[in-house]
C-alpha cells in the first residue's frame, strides 16, 4: 500500500505537481471515484480479476490480493511534457512475491507504456523497470532491494531515458526510445505485462 503518490510535469520540483494524492477519504472508495488533493480525477483504464485499487485508512491498497489480478489507473490532468516523474511512498512491506504495485508513465493504451514493478518478500527481483510495447513487456533493468515500509520510489522519465530512485539514491536506469510520447502517468497493481520478478 501507499499513502502518497505524486505525479508531476517536472522531474526536479515538487511544486509543479499535476497530481498529488494522500488518499484521504472514505474507506472502500475505489480510486476512480476518489478526488486527489491536487489534480482532478483518476481514470480506471482496466481491471481484471477483481484487482481494483481503493482508499483505506488514508492509504491506497488493492481490494483483492492475487497474483493473477491486475488494474491500472491514470491521473488527470494529463502531463504536458514527456519529462516528468511518478513517486510512490510505500507503507507496508509486501508479504507475497507476485503481488505487485506499479508506477506507470508514458501510458498510451493497455498495450503501450513504461512501468516500474515493486514486488513482495521472496521475489528474486523486487524492483523491475520495464517497457510494454505492442502488448509485449520487456525488462529493462532490475534490482533486489528488500522493500521496506516508508521507502520512497521515484520513477523519472524523459526523452530516451528512464531512472528509478529509492530514497533519493539512483537504483535503476535505462535508455529506451520506444515510448517517448508524453502519454499518461499513473499507478497499477497485479500482473501488468506479466513481468516476472522471481515469483
Protein backbone atom coordinates (compact mmCIF):
# COMPACT_ATOMS: atom_id res chain seq x y z
CA UNK A 1 0.00 0.00 0.00
CA UNK A 2 1.00 3.63 -0.42
CA UNK A 3 -0.01 6.79 1.35
CA UNK A 4 1.41 9.34 -1.07
CA UNK A 5 1.55 9.37 -4.84
CA UNK A 6 2.94 12.37 -6.71
CA UNK A 7 2.68 12.78 -10.47
CA UNK A 8 4.43 15.86 -11.74
CA UNK A 9 5.26 17.55 -15.01
CA UNK A 10 8.75 18.43 -13.76
CA UNK A 11 11.48 15.93 -12.96
CA UNK A 12 13.09 18.25 -10.44
CA UNK A 13 10.48 20.19 -8.49
CA UNK A 14 7.57 19.01 -6.41
CA UNK A 15 5.86 22.38 -6.75
CA UNK A 16 4.91 21.65 -10.35
CA UNK A 17 2.89 18.55 -9.50
CA UNK A 18 -0.11 17.95 -11.73
CA UNK A 19 -1.44 15.33 -9.30
CA UNK A 20 -0.70 14.84 -5.62
CA UNK A 21 -2.69 12.40 -3.52
CA UNK A 22 -2.56 11.41 0.15
CA UNK A 23 -5.65 9.17 -0.25
CA UNK A 24 -7.79 10.82 2.38
CA UNK A 25 -11.37 9.65 2.06
CA UNK A 26 -13.98 7.07 2.91
CA UNK A 27 -12.70 3.51 3.38
CA UNK A 28 -13.58 1.28 0.46
CA UNK A 29 -13.81 4.07 -2.13
CA UNK A 30 -12.47 2.87 -5.46
CA UNK A 31 -9.64 5.02 -6.80
CA UNK A 32 -11.60 6.20 -9.86
CA UNK A 33 -14.29 7.58 -7.53
CA UNK A 34 -11.78 9.47 -5.38
CA UNK A 35 -10.56 13.05 -5.92
CA UNK A 36 -6.83 13.69 -5.36
CA UNK A 37 -5.50 16.51 -3.14
CA UNK A 38 -4.09 18.22 -6.26
CA UNK A 39 -5.36 17.40 -9.74
CA UNK A 40 -8.86 16.46 -10.86
CA UNK A 41 -9.64 12.74 -11.15
CA UNK A 42 -8.29 9.23 -11.56
CA UNK A 43 -9.32 7.16 -14.61
CA UNK A 44 -9.67 3.38 -14.41
CA UNK A 45 -8.01 2.19 -17.62
CA UNK A 46 -8.64 -1.51 -16.99
CA UNK A 47 -9.29 -4.05 -14.24
CA UNK A 48 -9.07 -7.84 -14.47
CA UNK A 49 -9.82 -10.46 -11.86
CA UNK A 50 -11.23 -8.11 -9.24
CA UNK A 51 -7.99 -6.26 -8.58
CA UNK A 52 -9.43 -2.78 -8.04
CA UNK A 53 -7.44 -0.26 -6.04
CA UNK A 54 -9.24 1.51 -3.20
CA UNK A 55 -8.81 4.00 -0.38
CA UNK A 56 -8.45 2.56 3.11
CA UNK A 57 -7.27 4.27 6.31
CA UNK A 58 -5.53 7.05 4.40
CA UNK A 59 -3.71 4.63 2.11
CA UNK A 60 -4.10 3.21 -1.39
CA UNK A 61 -4.38 -0.57 -1.49
CA UNK A 62 -5.58 -3.46 -3.62
CA UNK A 63 -9.14 -4.55 -2.90
CA UNK A 64 -8.33 -8.21 -3.63
CA UNK A 65 -4.78 -9.51 -3.33
CA UNK A 66 -3.98 -12.07 -6.00
CA UNK A 67 -1.15 -12.79 -8.38
CA UNK A 68 -3.41 -13.03 -11.46
CA UNK A 69 -5.44 -9.83 -10.89
CA UNK A 70 -4.42 -6.53 -12.45
CA UNK A 71 -5.57 -2.91 -12.61
CA UNK A 72 -4.20 0.33 -13.99
CA UNK A 73 -5.26 3.92 -13.26
CA UNK A 74 -4.11 7.19 -14.84
CA UNK A 75 -4.18 10.64 -13.27
CA UNK A 76 -5.80 13.77 -14.61
CA UNK A 77 -4.86 16.33 -15.84
CA UNK A 78 -2.51 14.77 -18.39
CA UNK A 79 1.21 15.61 -18.34
CA UNK A 80 2.05 18.45 -20.74
CA UNK A 81 5.54 17.16 -21.48
CA UNK A 82 7.24 13.77 -21.76
CA UNK A 83 9.63 14.70 -18.92
CA UNK A 84 8.08 14.03 -15.52
CA UNK A 85 8.17 11.70 -12.54
CA UNK A 86 5.84 9.40 -10.64
CA UNK A 87 6.59 8.97 -6.95
CA UNK A 88 5.26 6.35 -4.52
CA UNK A 89 5.75 6.15 -0.76
CA UNK A 90 5.46 2.58 0.42
CA UNK A 91 3.62 1.97 3.70
CA UNK A 92 3.58 -1.77 4.33
CA UNK A 93 6.05 -4.44 3.35
CA UNK A 94 4.68 -6.88 0.78
CA UNK A 95 4.50 -10.38 2.16
CA UNK A 96 3.96 -12.42 -1.02
CA UNK A 97 6.09 -12.47 -4.16
CA UNK A 98 3.95 -11.75 -7.20
CA UNK A 99 1.62 -9.25 -5.50
CA UNK A 100 2.98 -6.22 -7.29
CA UNK A 101 2.37 -2.48 -7.36
CA UNK A 102 3.38 -0.41 -10.39
CA UNK A 103 4.40 3.14 -11.20
CA UNK A 104 3.25 3.99 -14.72
CA UNK A 105 4.50 6.61 -17.21
CA UNK A 106 4.12 7.40 -20.93
CA UNK A 107 0.88 5.40 -20.95
CA UNK A 108 -0.71 5.33 -24.43
CA UNK A 109 -3.05 2.36 -24.00
CA UNK A 110 -3.15 -1.05 -22.30
CA UNK A 111 -0.51 -2.37 -24.72
CA UNK A 112 1.96 0.53 -24.65
CA UNK A 113 3.50 2.13 -21.55
CA UNK A 114 6.54 2.28 -19.27
CA UNK A 115 6.42 0.87 -15.76
CA UNK A 116 8.22 0.03 -12.55
CA UNK A 117 7.05 -3.11 -10.72
CA UNK A 118 7.50 -3.28 -6.95
CA UNK A 119 7.25 -6.86 -5.73
CA UNK A 120 6.91 -8.66 -2.41
CA UNK A 121 9.05 -10.61 0.01
CA UNK A 122 10.66 -13.63 -1.65
CA UNK A 123 10.92 -12.10 -5.11
CA UNK A 124 14.39 -12.55 -6.57
CA UNK A 125 13.95 -9.17 -8.30
CA UNK A 126 11.69 -6.88 -6.28
CA UNK A 127 12.10 -3.72 -8.40
CA UNK A 128 11.82 -4.09 -12.19
CA UNK A 129 11.88 -1.31 -14.79
CA UNK A 130 10.09 -2.39 -17.95
CA UNK A 131 8.57 -1.27 -21.24
CA UNK A 132 5.38 -2.73 -22.65
CA UNK A 133 5.26 -2.15 -26.41
CA UNK A 134 2.68 -3.66 -28.73
CA UNK A 135 1.40 -5.79 -25.86
CA UNK A 136 4.80 -7.33 -25.11
CA UNK A 137 6.57 -6.42 -21.85
CA UNK A 138 10.39 -6.27 -21.86
CA UNK A 139 12.52 -5.95 -18.74
CA UNK A 140 14.95 -3.01 -18.99
CA UNK A 141 16.64 -3.25 -15.57
CA UNK A 142 16.11 -4.87 -12.17
CA UNK A 143 17.31 -4.91 -8.58
CA UNK A 144 16.68 -6.70 -5.29
CA UNK A 145 16.36 -4.12 -2.52
CA UNK A 146 14.15 -5.76 0.13
CA UNK A 147 11.39 -3.13 0.00
CA UNK A 148 10.51 -1.85 3.45
CA UNK A 149 7.85 0.41 5.00
CA UNK A 150 8.38 4.14 4.25
CA UNK A 151 10.61 3.50 1.24
CA UNK A 152 10.06 6.19 -1.41
CA UNK A 153 10.37 5.27 -5.10
CA UNK A 154 10.62 7.92 -7.81
CA UNK A 155 10.29 6.97 -11.48
CA UNK A 156 11.70 9.70 -13.74
CA UNK A 157 11.06 9.66 -17.49
CA UNK A 158 12.27 11.89 -20.32
CA UNK A 159 13.16 11.51 -24.00
CA UNK A 160 15.07 8.25 -24.30
CA UNK A 161 15.89 7.97 -20.58
CA UNK A 162 14.27 6.29 -17.58
CA UNK A 163 15.52 6.31 -13.99
CA UNK A 164 14.29 4.79 -10.73
CA UNK A 165 15.36 6.25 -7.39
CA UNK A 166 14.88 4.66 -3.99
CA UNK A 167 15.01 7.04 -1.04
CA UNK A 168 16.90 9.57 -3.16
CA UNK A 169 19.55 7.17 -4.48
CA UNK A 170 19.66 6.06 -8.11
CA UNK A 171 18.66 2.40 -8.28
CA UNK A 172 17.92 1.61 -11.94
CA UNK A 173 18.35 3.31 -15.30
CA UNK A 174 17.61 2.56 -18.94
CA UNK A 175 17.60 4.35 -22.28
CA UNK A 176 14.76 3.02 -24.40
CA UNK A 177 13.23 5.34 -27.01
CA UNK A 178 10.27 3.05 -27.67
CA UNK A 179 7.78 5.26 -25.82
CA UNK A 180 8.87 8.89 -25.93
CA UNK A 181 5.39 10.41 -26.15
CA UNK A 182 4.17 12.19 -23.02
CA UNK A 183 1.28 9.77 -22.63
CA UNK A 184 -0.38 9.49 -19.24
CA UNK A 185 1.01 8.81 -15.76
CA UNK A 186 -0.48 6.62 -13.07
CA UNK A 187 -0.33 3.61 -10.80
CA UNK A 188 -1.29 -0.02 -11.06
CA UNK A 189 -1.29 -3.38 -9.35
CA UNK A 190 -1.03 -7.07 -10.13
CA UNK A 191 0.29 -8.89 -13.16
CA UNK A 192 0.70 -5.96 -15.55
CA UNK A 193 2.72 -7.02 -18.55
CA UNK A 194 3.36 -10.44 -16.94
CA UNK A 195 6.66 -9.10 -15.64
CA UNK A 196 8.47 -11.96 -13.91
CA UNK A 197 10.17 -10.76 -10.71
CA UNK A 198 11.07 -14.07 -9.17
CA UNK A 199 7.70 -15.48 -8.14
